[in-house]
Amino acid sequence: MGLDVGPKSREKYREAVLAAKTILWNGLVATNFHSQHHLIRSRSPPGVFEFPAFSKGSEALLDANILAAKNGAVVIVGGGDTATLAAQYGAEGSLSHVSTGGGASLELLEGKVGYLILGKT
């Protein structure tokens, strides 16, 4: 059973996130839609952040996304656990958009009509 990612995985995630211009952190995918098309697959968040002993991967990925947003990337967070992580660390205002509607966020990107509000927190 994997409860967290190790230092090498955290660094690979950081490199991919910081290379991205647009990041969708939703469920199992964080993607760069521009340039090199990075695709990261992991539990989202990648560690069991609810337990401090297993939160290092989640914290590292959140920190990378905050830095990416600060550097001008668009960072969209969708999904309950990922939104909860952002809220737990008080990071909602440091990211472009945070929504608890993970499935609805994906449907919006697919072009389906629905009722999803994404906004700056």
PDB file of N, CA and C in Angstrom:
ATOM      1  N   MET A   1       0.841  -1.163   0.000  1.00  0.00           N
ATOM      2  CA  MET A   1       0.000   0.000   0.000  1.00  0.00           C
ATOM      3  C   MET A   1       0.899   1.243   0.000  1.00  0.00           C
ATOM      4  N   GLY A   2       0.699   2.118  -0.969  1.00  0.00           N
ATOM      5  CA  GLY A   2       1.457   3.358  -1.027  1.00  0.00           C
ATOM      6  C   GLY A   2       0.712   4.472  -0.313  1.00  0.00           C
ATOM      7  N   LEU A   3       1.366   5.088   0.650  1.00  0.00           N
ATOM      8  CA  LEU A   3       0.730   6.155   1.409  1.00  0.00           C
ATOM      9  C   LEU A   3       1.286   7.534   1.086  1.00  0.00           C
ATOM     10  N   ASP A   4       2.424   7.570   0.411  1.00  0.00           N
ATOM     11  CA  ASP A   4       3.029   8.842   0.035  1.00  0.00           C
ATOM     12  C   ASP A   4       4.042   8.571  -1.066  1.00  0.00           C
ATOM     13  N   VAL A   5       4.479   9.622  -1.735  1.00  0.00           N
ATOM     14  CA  VAL A   5       5.522   9.490  -2.749  1.00  0.00           C
ATOM     15  C   VAL A   5       6.850   9.895  -2.131  1.00  0.00           C
ATOM     16  N   GLY A   6       7.936   9.374  -2.696  1.00  0.00           N
ATOM     17  CA  GLY A   6       9.257   9.652  -2.174  1.00  0.00           C
ATOM     18  C   GLY A   6       9.869  10.909  -2.764  1.00  0.00           C
ATOM     19  N   PRO A   7      11.082  11.233  -2.316  1.00  0.00           N
ATOM     20  CA  PRO A   7      11.752  12.462  -2.747  1.00  0.00           C
ATOM     21  C   PRO A   7      11.983  12.542  -4.260  1.00  0.00           C
ATOM     22  N   LYS A   8      12.316  11.445  -4.908  1.00  0.00           N
ATOM     23  CA  LYS A   8      12.552  11.476  -6.356  1.00  0.00           C
ATOM     24  C   LYS A   8      11.262  11.781  -7.112  1.00  0.00           C
ATOM     25  N   SER A   9      10.164  11.187  -6.699  1.00  0.00           N
ATOM     26  CA  SER A   9       8.871  11.471  -7.335  1.00  0.00           C
ATOM     27  C   SER A   9       8.465  12.912  -7.093  1.00  0.00           C
ATOM     28  N   ARG A  10       8.670  13.399  -5.884  1.00  0.00           N
ATOM     29  CA  ARG A  10       8.324  14.798  -5.585  1.00  0.00           C
ATOM     30  C   ARG A  10       9.093  15.750  -6.493  1.00  0.00           C
ATOM     31  N   GLU A  11      10.367  15.468  -6.728  1.00  0.00           N
ATOM     32  CA  GLU A  11      11.172  16.333  -7.591  1.00  0.00           C
ATOM     33  C   GLU A  11      10.701  16.260  -9.044  1.00  0.00           C
ATOM     34  N   LYS A  12      10.349  15.064  -9.519  1.00  0.00           N
ATOM     35  CA  LYS A  12       9.839  14.933 -10.890  1.00  0.00           C
ATOM     36  C   LYS A  12       8.532  15.689 -11.056  1.00  0.00           C
ATOM     37  N   TYR A  13       7.647  15.590 -10.080  1.00  0.00           N
ATOM     38  CA  TYR A  13       6.393  16.338 -10.133  1.00  0.00           C
ATOM     39  C   TYR A  13       6.680  17.833 -10.189  1.00  0.00           C
ATOM     40  N   ARG A  14       7.584  18.294  -9.334  1.00  0.00           N
ATOM     41  CA  ARG A  14       7.929  19.720  -9.282  1.00  0.00           C
ATOM     42  C   ARG A  14       8.438  20.207 -10.638  1.00  0.00           C
ATOM     43  N   GLU A  15       9.337  19.457 -11.239  1.00  0.00           N
ATOM     44  CA  GLU A  15       9.892  19.843 -12.538  1.00  0.00           C
ATOM     45  C   GLU A  15       8.795  19.951 -13.592  1.00  0.00           C
ATOM     46  N   ALA A  16       7.896  18.979 -13.623  1.00  0.00           N
ATOM     47  CA  ALA A  16       6.822  18.991 -14.618  1.00  0.00           C
ATOM     48  C   ALA A  16       5.867  20.152 -14.379  1.00  0.00           C
ATOM     49  N   VAL A  17       5.502  20.385 -13.131  1.00  0.00           N
ATOM     50  CA  VAL A  17       4.578  21.474 -12.808  1.00  0.00           C
ATOM     51  C   VAL A  17       5.194  22.827 -13.153  1.00  0.00           C
ATOM     52  N   LEU A  18       6.455  23.026 -12.812  1.00  0.00           N
ATOM     53  CA  LEU A  18       7.087  24.318 -13.070  1.00  0.00           C
ATOM     54  C   LEU A  18       7.345  24.563 -14.551  1.00  0.00           C
ATOM     55  N   ALA A  19       7.331  23.516 -15.370  1.00  0.00           N
ATOM     56  CA  ALA A  19       7.484  23.674 -16.820  1.00  0.00           C
ATOM     57  C   ALA A  19       6.155  23.989 -17.503  1.00  0.00           C
ATOM     58  N   ALA A  20       5.056  23.846 -16.770  1.00  0.00           N
ATOM     59  CA  ALA A  20       3.723  23.987 -17.357  1.00  0.00           C
ATOM     60  C   ALA A  20       3.263  25.439 -17.390  1.00  0.00           C
ATOM     61  N   LYS A  21       2.443  25.747 -18.370  1.00  0.00           N
ATOM     62  CA  LYS A  21       1.791  27.054 -18.474  1.00  0.00           C
ATOM     63  C   LYS A  21       0.357  26.990 -17.953  1.00  0.00           C
ATOM     64  N   THR A  22      -0.273  25.822 -18.128  1.00  0.00           N
ATOM     65  CA  THR A  22      -1.629  25.583 -17.650  1.00  0.00           C
ATOM     66  C   THR A  22      -1.632  24.247 -16.925  1.00  0.00           C
ATOM     67  N   ILE A  23      -2.159  24.244 -15.711  1.00  0.00           N
ATOM     68  CA  ILE A  23      -2.171  23.030 -14.897  1.00  0.00           C
ATOM     69  C   ILE A  23      -3.599  22.746 -14.469  1.00  0.00           C
ATOM     70  N   LEU A  24      -4.052  21.544 -14.738  1.00  0.00           N
ATOM     71  CA  LEU A  24      -5.330  21.062 -14.247  1.00  0.00           C
ATOM     72  C   LEU A  24      -5.008  19.979 -13.236  1.00  0.00           C
ATOM     73  N   TRP A  25      -5.228  20.274 -11.978  1.00  0.00           N
ATOM     74  CA  TRP A  25      -4.961  19.305 -10.910  1.00  0.00           C
ATOM     75  C   TRP A  25      -6.314  18.789 -10.468  1.00  0.00           C
ATOM     76  N   ASN A  26      -6.717  17.674 -11.043  1.00  0.00           N
ATOM     77  CA  ASN A  26      -8.063  17.159 -10.855  1.00  0.00           C
ATOM     78  C   ASN A  26      -8.003  15.646 -10.823  1.00  0.00           C
ATOM     79  N   GLY A  27      -8.412  15.056  -9.731  1.00  0.00           N
ATOM     80  CA  GLY A  27      -8.422  13.601  -9.670  1.00  0.00           C
ATOM     81  C   GLY A  27      -7.042  13.037  -9.903  1.00  0.00           C
ATOM     82  N   LEU A  28      -6.853  12.335 -11.008  1.00  0.00           N
ATOM     83  CA  LEU A  28      -5.589  11.668 -11.250  1.00  0.00           C
ATOM     84  C   LEU A  28      -4.677  12.380 -12.226  1.00  0.00           C
ATOM     85  N   VAL A  29      -5.011  13.592 -12.650  1.00  0.00           N
ATOM     86  CA  VAL A  29      -4.218  14.190 -13.727  1.00  0.00           C
ATOM     87  C   VAL A  29      -3.832  15.630 -13.427  1.00  0.00           C
ATOM     88  N   ALA A  30      -2.579  15.953 -13.652  1.00  0.00           N
ATOM     89  CA  ALA A  30      -2.124  17.349 -13.741  1.00  0.00           C
ATOM     90  C   ALA A  30      -1.465  17.454 -15.100  1.00  0.00           C
ATOM     91  N   THR A  31      -1.906  18.363 -15.934  1.00  0.00           N
ATOM     92  CA  THR A  31      -1.466  18.364 -17.329  1.00  0.00           C
ATOM     93  C   THR A  31      -0.949  19.728 -17.747  1.00  0.00           C
ATOM     94  N   ASN A  32       0.059  19.732 -18.592  1.00  0.00           N
ATOM     95  CA  ASN A  32       0.533  20.944 -19.247  1.00  0.00           C
ATOM     96  C   ASN A  32      -0.071  20.947 -20.646  1.00  0.00           C
ATOM     97  N   PHE A  33      -0.984  21.886 -20.938  1.00  0.00           N
ATOM     98  CA  PHE A  33      -1.632  21.931 -22.238  1.00  0.00           C
ATOM     99  C   PHE A  33      -0.799  22.664 -23.274  1.00  0.00           C
ATOM    100  N   HIS A  34       0.300  23.275 -22.867  1.00  0.00           N
ATOM    101  CA  HIS A  34       1.169  24.024 -23.772  1.00  0.00           C
ATOM    102  C   HIS A  34       2.546  23.355 -23.807  1.00  0.00           C
ATOM    103  N   SER A  35       3.321  23.631 -24.766  1.00  0.00           N
ATOM    104  CA  SER A  35       4.705  23.179 -24.941  1.00  0.00           C
ATOM    105  C   SER A  35       4.861  21.668 -24.852  1.00  0.00           C
ATOM    106  N   GLN A  36       5.480  21.150 -23.814  1.00  0.00           N
ATOM    107  CA  GLN A  36       5.942  19.765 -23.826  1.00  0.00           C
ATOM    108  C   GLN A  36       4.889  18.715 -23.463  1.00  0.00           C
ATOM    109  N   HIS A  37       3.698  19.085 -23.121  1.00  0.00           N
ATOM    110  CA  HIS A  37       2.610  18.149 -22.774  1.00  0.00           C
ATOM    111  C   HIS A  37       3.022  17.161 -21.688  1.00  0.00           C
ATOM    112  N   HIS A  38       3.312  17.687 -20.519  1.00  0.00           N
ATOM    113  CA  HIS A  38       3.615  16.830 -19.378  1.00  0.00           C
ATOM    114  C   HIS A  38       2.320  16.206 -18.873  1.00  0.00           C
ATOM    115  N   LEU A  39       2.393  14.980 -18.445  1.00  0.00           N
ATOM    116  CA  LEU A  39       1.245  14.301 -17.865  1.00  0.00           C
ATOM    117  C   LEU A  39       1.717  13.609 -16.599  1.00  0.00           C
ATOM    118  N   ILE A  40       1.110  13.952 -15.488  1.00  0.00           N
ATOM    119  CA  ILE A  40       1.466  13.357 -14.212  1.00  0.00           C
ATOM    120  C   ILE A  40       0.271  12.557 -13.727  1.00  0.00           C
ATOM    121  N   ARG A  41       0.495  11.317 -13.376  1.00  0.00           N
ATOM    122  CA  ARG A  41      -0.583  10.493 -12.830  1.00  0.00           C
ATOM    123  C   ARG A  41      -0.193  10.070 -11.418  1.00  0.00           C
ATOM    124  N   SER A  42      -1.078  10.313 -10.483  1.00  0.00           N
ATOM    125  CA  SER A  42      -0.829   9.911  -9.104  1.00  0.00           C
ATOM    126  C   SER A  42      -2.150   9.955  -8.357  1.00  0.00           C
ATOM    127  N   ARG A  43      -2.139   9.431  -7.140  1.00  0.00           N
ATOM    128  CA  ARG A  43      -3.279   9.668  -6.277  1.00  0.00           C
ATOM    129  C   ARG A  43      -3.335  11.171  -6.097  1.00  0.00           C
ATOM    130  N   SER A  44      -4.508  11.718  -6.062  1.00  0.00           N
ATOM    131  CA  SER A  44      -4.597  13.154  -5.929  1.00  0.00           C
ATOM    132  C   SER A  44      -5.301  13.511  -4.636  1.00  0.00           C
ATOM    133  N   PRO A  45      -4.651  14.143  -3.765  1.00  0.00           N
ATOM    134  CA  PRO A  45      -3.231  14.446  -3.665  1.00  0.00           C
ATOM    135  C   PRO A  45      -2.393  13.177  -3.538  1.00  0.00           C
ATOM    136  N   PRO A  46      -1.091  13.256  -3.869  1.00  0.00           N
ATOM    137  CA  PRO A  46      -0.287  12.033  -3.948  1.00  0.00           C
ATOM    138  C   PRO A  46       0.034  11.376  -2.614  1.00  0.00           C
ATOM    139  N   GLY A  47      -0.119  12.064  -1.514  1.00  0.00           N
ATOM    140  CA  GLY A  47       0.097  11.456  -0.202  1.00  0.00           C
ATOM    141  C   GLY A  47      -1.201  11.477   0.582  1.00  0.00           C
ATOM    142  N   VAL A  48      -1.253  10.713   1.651  1.00  0.00           N
ATOM    143  CA  VAL A  48      -2.425  10.730   2.526  1.00  0.00           C
ATOM    144  C   VAL A  48      -2.227  11.915   3.471  1.00  0.00           C
ATOM    145  N   PHE A  49      -2.529  13.106   2.960  1.00  0.00           N
ATOM    146  CA  PHE A  49      -2.187  14.342   3.654  1.00  0.00           C
ATOM    147  C   PHE A  49      -2.906  14.505   4.986  1.00  0.00           C
ATOM    148  N   GLU A  50      -3.973  13.737   5.190  1.00  0.00           N
ATOM    149  CA  GLU A  50      -4.702  13.820   6.449  1.00  0.00           C
ATOM    150  C   GLU A  50      -3.844  13.347   7.625  1.00  0.00           C
ATOM    151  N   PHE A  51      -2.783  12.578   7.349  1.00  0.00           N
ATOM    152  CA  PHE A  51      -1.863  12.089   8.370  1.00  0.00           C
ATOM    153  C   PHE A  51      -0.502  12.740   8.137  1.00  0.00           C
ATOM    154  N   PRO A  52      -0.005  13.531   9.080  1.00  0.00           N
ATOM    155  CA  PRO A  52       1.248  14.260   8.877  1.00  0.00           C
ATOM    156  C   PRO A  52       2.412  13.388   8.393  1.00  0.00           C
ATOM    157  N   ALA A  53       2.481  12.162   8.817  1.00  0.00           N
ATOM    158  CA  ALA A  53       3.587  11.295   8.405  1.00  0.00           C
ATOM    159  C   ALA A  53       3.572  10.989   6.911  1.00  0.00           C
ATOM    160  N   PHE A  54       2.417  11.164   6.257  1.00  0.00           N
ATOM    161  CA  PHE A  54       2.287  10.828   4.841  1.00  0.00           C
ATOM    162  C   PHE A  54       1.880  12.038   3.989  1.00  0.00           C
ATOM    163  N   SER A  55       2.160  13.222   4.458  1.00  0.00           N
ATOM    164  CA  SER A  55       1.712  14.435   3.762  1.00  0.00           C
ATOM    165  C   SER A  55       2.786  15.104   2.916  1.00  0.00           C
ATOM    166  N   LYS A  56       4.009  14.605   2.950  1.00  0.00           N
ATOM    167  CA  LYS A  56       5.116  15.287   2.253  1.00  0.00           C
ATOM    168  C   LYS A  56       4.888  15.424   0.744  1.00  0.00           C
ATOM    169  N   GLY A  57       4.397  14.385   0.100  1.00  0.00           N
ATOM    170  CA  GLY A  57       4.151  14.441  -1.343  1.00  0.00           C
ATOM    171  C   GLY A  57       3.073  15.443  -1.704  1.00  0.00           C
ATOM    172  N   SER A  58       1.997  15.455  -0.932  1.00  0.00           N
ATOM    173  CA  SER A  58       0.901  16.395  -1.175  1.00  0.00           C
ATOM    174  C   SER A  58       1.370  17.832  -0.977  1.00  0.00           C
ATOM    175  N   GLU A  59       2.095  18.058   0.109  1.00  0.00           N
ATOM    176  CA  GLU A  59       2.605  19.398   0.389  1.00  0.00           C
ATOM    177  C   GLU A  59       3.552  19.863  -0.712  1.00  0.00           C
ATOM    178  N   ALA A  60       4.424  18.973  -1.166  1.00  0.00           N
ATOM    179  CA  ALA A  60       5.396  19.334  -2.206  1.00  0.00           C
ATOM    180  C   ALA A  60       4.693  19.671  -3.520  1.00  0.00           C
ATOM    181  N   LEU A  61       3.679  18.887  -3.893  1.00  0.00           N
ATOM    182  CA  LEU A  61       2.961  19.160  -5.132  1.00  0.00           C
ATOM    183  C   LEU A  61       2.166  20.457  -5.022  1.00  0.00           C
ATOM    184  N   LEU A  62       1.565  20.701  -3.870  1.00  0.00           N
ATOM    185  CA  LEU A  62       0.854  21.961  -3.657  1.00  0.00           C
ATOM    186  C   LEU A  62       1.825  23.134  -3.736  1.00  0.00           C
ATOM    187  N   ASP A  63       2.974  23.021  -3.083  1.00  0.00           N
ATOM    188  CA  ASP A  63       3.974  24.096  -3.131  1.00  0.00           C
ATOM    189  C   ASP A  63       4.417  24.375  -4.562  1.00  0.00           C
ATOM    190  N   ALA A  64       4.622  23.328  -5.355  1.00  0.00           N
ATOM    191  CA  ALA A  64       5.024  23.516  -6.752  1.00  0.00           C
ATOM    192  C   ALA A  64       3.930  24.235  -7.535  1.00  0.00           C
ATOM    193  N   ASN A  65       2.675  23.893  -7.291  1.00  0.00           N
ATOM    194  CA  ASN A  65       1.569  24.551  -7.980  1.00  0.00           C
ATOM    195  C   ASN A  65       1.439  26.009  -7.564  1.00  0.00           C
ATOM    196  N   ILE A  66       1.663  26.303  -6.303  1.00  0.00           N
ATOM    197  CA  ILE A  66       1.633  27.690  -5.833  1.00  0.00           C
ATOM    198  C   ILE A  66       2.735  28.489  -6.521  1.00  0.00           C
ATOM    199  N   LEU A  67       3.937  27.927  -6.597  1.00  0.00           N
ATOM    200  CA  LEU A  67       5.050  28.607  -7.255  1.00  0.00           C
ATOM    201  C   LEU A  67       4.768  28.796  -8.746  1.00  0.00           C
ATOM    202  N   ALA A  68       4.187  27.774  -9.380  1.00  0.00           N
ATOM    203  CA  ALA A  68       3.840  27.888 -10.801  1.00  0.00           C
ATOM    204  C   ALA A  68       2.849  29.028 -11.021  1.00  0.00           C
ATOM    205  N   ALA A  69       1.840  29.123 -10.165  1.00  0.00           N
ATOM    206  CA  ALA A  69       0.859  30.211 -10.275  1.00  0.00           C
ATOM    207  C   ALA A  69       1.529  31.561 -10.065  1.00  0.00           C
ATOM    208  N   LYS A  70       2.417  31.637  -9.089  1.00  0.00           N
ATOM    209  CA  LYS A  70       3.144  32.881  -8.826  1.00  0.00           C
ATOM    210  C   LYS A  70       3.980  33.288 -10.032  1.00  0.00           C
ATOM    211  N   ASN A  71       4.469  32.273 -10.781  1.00  0.00           N
ATOM    212  CA  ASN A  71       5.291  32.524 -11.970  1.00  0.00           C
ATOM    213  C   ASN A  71       4.464  32.759 -13.233  1.00  0.00           C
ATOM    214  N   GLY A  72       3.125  32.789 -13.103  1.00  0.00           N
ATOM    215  CA  GLY A  72       2.277  33.120 -14.239  1.00  0.00           C
ATOM    216  C   GLY A  72       1.494  31.976 -14.850  1.00  0.00           C
ATOM    217  N   ALA A  73       1.655  30.760 -14.360  1.00  0.00           N
ATOM    218  CA  ALA A  73       0.871  29.635 -14.878  1.00  0.00           C
ATOM    219  C   ALA A  73      -0.563  29.734 -14.375  1.00  0.00           C
ATOM    220  N   VAL A  74      -1.481  29.205 -15.150  1.00  0.00           N
ATOM    221  CA  VAL A  74      -2.872  29.078 -14.724  1.00  0.00           C
ATOM    222  C   VAL A  74      -2.995  27.722 -14.033  1.00  0.00           C
ATOM    223  N   VAL A  75      -3.401  27.736 -12.779  1.00  0.00           N
ATOM    224  CA  VAL A  75      -3.509  26.509 -11.985  1.00  0.00           C
ATOM    225  C   VAL A  75      -4.963  26.341 -11.572  1.00  0.00           C
ATOM    226  N   ILE A  76      -5.607  25.309 -12.134  1.00  0.00           N
ATOM    227  CA  ILE A  76      -7.009  25.004 -11.850  1.00  0.00           C
ATOM    228  C   ILE A  76      -7.046  23.753 -10.987  1.00  0.00           C
ATOM    229  N   VAL A  77      -7.618  23.880  -9.799  1.00  0.00           N
ATOM    230  CA  VAL A  77      -7.748  22.758  -8.876  1.00  0.00           C
ATOM    231  C   VAL A  77      -9.212  22.357  -8.851  1.00  0.00           C
ATOM    232  N   GLY A  78      -9.490  21.087  -9.155  1.00  0.00           N
ATOM    233  CA  GLY A  78     -10.856  20.590  -9.133  1.00  0.00           C
ATOM    234  C   GLY A  78     -10.918  19.262  -8.419  1.00  0.00           C
ATOM    235  N   GLY A  79     -11.852  19.111  -7.547  1.00  0.00           N
ATOM    236  CA  GLY A  79     -12.029  17.842  -6.850  1.00  0.00           C
ATOM    237  C   GLY A  79     -11.935  18.018  -5.357  1.00  0.00           C
ATOM    238  N   GLY A  80     -12.743  17.266  -4.653  1.00  0.00           N
ATOM    239  CA  GLY A  80     -12.867  17.408  -3.206  1.00  0.00           C
ATOM    240  C   GLY A  80     -11.590  17.279  -2.422  1.00  0.00           C
ATOM    241  N   ASP A  81     -10.834  16.181  -2.614  1.00  0.00           N
ATOM    242  CA  ASP A  81      -9.617  15.995  -1.830  1.00  0.00           C
ATOM    243  C   ASP A  81      -8.569  17.051  -2.147  1.00  0.00           C
ATOM    244  N   THR A  82      -8.423  17.385  -3.423  1.00  0.00           N
ATOM    245  CA  THR A  82      -7.428  18.375  -3.808  1.00  0.00           C
ATOM    246  C   THR A  82      -7.831  19.757  -3.316  1.00  0.00           C
ATOM    247  N   ALA A  83      -9.109  20.100  -3.425  1.00  0.00           N
ATOM    248  CA  ALA A  83      -9.601  21.377  -2.900  1.00  0.00           C
ATOM    249  C   ALA A  83      -9.456  21.418  -1.380  1.00  0.00           C
ATOM    250  N   THR A  84      -9.690  20.294  -0.722  1.00  0.00           N
ATOM    251  CA  THR A  84      -9.530  20.221   0.729  1.00  0.00           C
ATOM    252  C   THR A  84      -8.078  20.460   1.120  1.00  0.00           C
ATOM    253  N   LEU A  85      -7.152  19.866   0.366  1.00  0.00           N
ATOM    254  CA  LEU A  85      -5.729  20.087   0.626  1.00  0.00           C
ATOM    255  C   LEU A  85      -5.397  21.577   0.521  1.00  0.00           C
ATOM    256  N   ALA A  86      -5.850  22.211  -0.561  1.00  0.00           N
ATOM    257  CA  ALA A  86      -5.586  23.639  -0.749  1.00  0.00           C
ATOM    258  C   ALA A  86      -6.154  24.446   0.421  1.00  0.00           C
ATOM    259  N   ALA A  87      -7.360  24.109   0.852  1.00  0.00           N
ATOM    260  CA  ALA A  87      -7.995  24.820   1.964  1.00  0.00           C
ATOM    261  C   ALA A  87      -7.258  24.572   3.274  1.00  0.00           C
ATOM    262  N   GLN A  88      -6.852  23.329   3.506  1.00  0.00           N
ATOM    263  CA  GLN A  88      -6.173  22.980   4.750  1.00  0.00           C
ATOM    264  C   GLN A  88      -4.889  23.781   4.931  1.00  0.00           C
ATOM    265  N   TYR A  89      -4.220  24.076   3.828  1.00  0.00           N
ATOM    266  CA  TYR A  89      -2.964  24.823   3.887  1.00  0.00           C
ATOM    267  C   TYR A  89      -3.166  26.308   3.561  1.00  0.00           C
ATOM    268  N   GLY A  90      -4.430  26.739   3.456  1.00  0.00           N
ATOM    269  CA  GLY A  90      -4.728  28.143   3.210  1.00  0.00           C
ATOM    270  C   GLY A  90      -4.207  28.650   1.879  1.00  0.00           C
ATOM    271  N   ALA A  91      -4.218  27.782   0.863  1.00  0.00           N
ATOM    272  CA  ALA A  91      -3.592  28.111  -0.417  1.00  0.00           C
ATOM    273  C   ALA A  91      -4.578  28.520  -1.507  1.00  0.00           C
ATOM    274  N   GLU A  92      -5.868  28.554  -1.226  1.00  0.00           N
ATOM    275  CA  GLU A  92      -6.832  28.842  -2.288  1.00  0.00           C
ATOM    276  C   GLU A  92      -6.545  30.164  -2.987  1.00  0.00           C
ATOM    277  N   GLY A  93      -6.150  31.175  -2.258  1.00  0.00           N
ATOM    278  CA  GLY A  93      -5.871  32.480  -2.835  1.00  0.00           C
ATOM    279  C   GLY A  93      -4.571  32.542  -3.619  1.00  0.00           C
ATOM    280  N   SER A  94      -3.754  31.502  -3.518  1.00  0.00           N
ATOM    281  CA  SER A  94      -2.472  31.452  -4.236  1.00  0.00           C
ATOM    282  C   SER A  94      -2.568  30.688  -5.547  1.00  0.00           C
ATOM    283  N   LEU A  95      -3.742  30.151  -5.849  1.00  0.00           N
ATOM    284  CA  LEU A  95      -3.960  29.375  -7.065  1.00  0.00           C
ATOM    285  C   LEU A  95      -4.972  30.115  -7.932  1.00  0.00           C
ATOM    286  N   SER A  96      -5.014  29.808  -9.217  1.00  0.00           N
ATOM    287  CA  SER A  96      -5.911  30.538 -10.123  1.00  0.00           C
ATOM    288  C   SER A  96      -7.377  30.257  -9.828  1.00  0.00           C
ATOM    289  N   HIS A  97      -7.752  28.992  -9.717  1.00  0.00           N
ATOM    290  CA  HIS A  97      -9.144  28.592  -9.500  1.00  0.00           C
ATOM    291  C   HIS A  97      -9.163  27.344  -8.622  1.00  0.00           C
ATOM    292  N   VAL A  98     -10.102  27.293  -7.690  1.00  0.00           N
ATOM    293  CA  VAL A  98     -10.290  26.110  -6.852  1.00  0.00           C
ATOM    294  C   VAL A  98     -11.775  25.780  -6.861  1.00  0.00           C
ATOM    295  N   SER A  99     -12.096  24.526  -7.167  1.00  0.00           N
ATOM    296  CA  SER A  99     -13.485  24.076  -7.193  1.00  0.00           C
ATOM    297  C   SER A  99     -13.565  22.697  -6.551  1.00  0.00           C
ATOM    298  N   THR A 100     -14.619  22.449  -5.783  1.00  0.00           N
ATOM    299  CA  THR A 100     -14.824  21.111  -5.232  1.00  0.00           C
ATOM    300  C   THR A 100     -15.457  20.182  -6.254  1.00  0.00           C
ATOM    301  N   GLY A 101     -15.860  20.699  -7.398  1.00  0.00           N
ATOM    302  CA  GLY A 101     -16.522  19.909  -8.436  1.00  0.00           C
ATOM    303  C   GLY A 101     -15.528  19.304  -9.410  1.00  0.00           C
ATOM    304  N   GLY A 102     -14.906  18.207  -9.050  1.00  0.00           N
ATOM    305  CA  GLY A 102     -13.909  17.570  -9.921  1.00  0.00           C
ATOM    306  C   GLY A 102     -14.491  17.073 -11.230  1.00  0.00           C
ATOM    307  N   GLY A 103     -15.553  16.288 -11.146  1.00  0.00           N
ATOM    308  CA  GLY A 103     -16.197  15.777 -12.353  1.00  0.00           C
ATOM    309  C   GLY A 103     -16.804  16.894 -13.179  1.00  0.00           C
ATOM    310  N   ALA A 104     -17.398  17.871 -12.505  1.00  0.00           N
ATOM    311  CA  ALA A 104     -17.987  19.006 -13.212  1.00  0.00           C
ATOM    312  C   ALA A 104     -16.910  19.838 -13.903  1.00  0.00           C
ATOM    313  N   SER A 105     -15.736  19.961 -13.277  1.00  0.00           N
ATOM    314  CA  SER A 105     -14.630  20.693 -13.906  1.00  0.00           C
ATOM    315  C   SER A 105     -14.214  20.016 -15.200  1.00  0.00           C
ATOM    316  N   LEU A 106     -14.120  18.701 -15.168  1.00  0.00           N
ATOM    317  CA  LEU A 106     -13.739  17.964 -16.377  1.00  0.00           C
ATOM    318  C   LEU A 106     -14.804  18.098 -17.460  1.00  0.00           C
ATOM    319  N   GLU A 107     -16.085  18.060 -17.073  1.00  0.00           N
ATOM    320  CA  GLU A 107     -17.156  18.224 -18.056  1.00  0.00           C
ATOM    321  C   GLU A 107     -17.121  19.619 -18.679  1.00  0.00           C
ATOM    322  N   LEU A 108     -16.806  20.629 -17.890  1.00  0.00           N
ATOM    323  CA  LEU A 108     -16.681  21.975 -18.424  1.00  0.00           C
ATOM    324  C   LEU A 108     -15.593  22.028 -19.491  1.00  0.00           C
ATOM    325  N   LEU A 109     -14.449  21.406 -19.214  1.00  0.00           N
ATOM    326  CA  LEU A 109     -13.349  21.389 -20.173  1.00  0.00           C
ATOM    327  C   LEU A 109     -13.704  20.598 -21.430  1.00  0.00           C
ATOM    328  N   GLU A 110     -14.598  19.612 -21.295  1.00  0.00           N
ATOM    329  CA  GLU A 110     -15.058  18.845 -22.454  1.00  0.00           C
ATOM    330  C   GLU A 110     -16.045  19.649 -23.291  1.00  0.00           C
ATOM    331  N   GLY A 111     -16.549  20.748 -22.758  1.00  0.00           N
ATOM    332  CA  GLY A 111     -17.503  21.577 -23.481  1.00  0.00           C
ATOM    333  C   GLY A 111     -18.951  21.250 -23.177  1.00  0.00           C
ATOM    334  N   LYS A 112     -19.191  20.407 -22.180  1.00  0.00           N
ATOM    335  CA  LYS A 112     -20.569  20.082 -21.809  1.00  0.00           C
ATOM    336  C   LYS A 112     -21.191  21.255 -21.065  1.00  0.00           C
ATOM    337  N   VAL A 113     -22.477  21.434 -21.251  1.00  0.00           N
ATOM    338  CA  VAL A 113     -23.209  22.487 -20.570  1.00  0.00           C
ATOM    339  C   VAL A 113     -23.539  22.001 -19.168  1.00  0.00           C
ATOM    340  N   GLY A 114     -23.309  22.834 -18.194  1.00  0.00           N
ATOM    341  CA  GLY A 114     -23.608  22.458 -16.822  1.00  0.00           C
ATOM    342  C   GLY A 114     -23.558  23.670 -15.925  1.00  0.00           C
ATOM    343  N   TYR A 115     -23.603  23.416 -14.667  1.00  0.00           N
ATOM    344  CA  TYR A 115     -23.595  24.484 -13.684  1.00  0.00           C
ATOM    345  C   TYR A 115     -22.367  24.346 -12.806  1.00  0.00           C
ATOM    346  N   LEU A 116     -21.287  24.906 -13.266  1.00  0.00           N
ATOM    347  CA  LEU A 116     -20.041  24.900 -12.492  1.00  0.00           C
ATOM    348  C   LEU A 116     -19.539  26.322 -12.423  1.00  0.00           C
ATOM    349  N   ILE A 117     -19.227  26.744 -11.227  1.00  0.00           N
ATOM    350  CA  ILE A 117     -18.682  28.083 -11.052  1.00  0.00           C
ATOM    351  C   ILE A 117     -17.231  27.929 -10.641  1.00  0.00           C
ATOM    352  N   LEU A 118     -16.322  28.438 -11.461  1.00  0.00           N
ATOM    353  CA  LEU A 118     -14.912  28.496 -11.119  1.00  0.00           C
ATOM    354  C   LEU A 118     -14.593  29.954 -10.886  1.00  0.00           C
ATOM    355  N   GLY A 119     -13.960  30.227  -9.796  1.00  0.00           N
ATOM    356  CA  GLY A 119     -13.650  31.627  -9.543  1.00  0.00           C
ATOM    357  C   GLY A 119     -12.437  31.797  -8.688  1.00  0.00           C
ATOM    358  N   LYS A 120     -11.893  32.971  -8.738  1.00  0.00           N
ATOM    359  CA  LYS A 120     -10.753  33.331  -7.894  1.00  0.00           C
ATOM    360  C   LYS A 120     -11.258  33.385  -6.460  1.00  0.00           C
ATOM    361  N   THR A 121     -10.546  32.695  -5.573  1.00  0.00           N
ATOM    362  CA  THR A 121     -10.977  32.698  -4.175  1.00  0.00           C
ATOM    363  C   THR A 121     -10.310  33.797  -3.404  1.00  0.00           C
TER     364      THR A 121
END
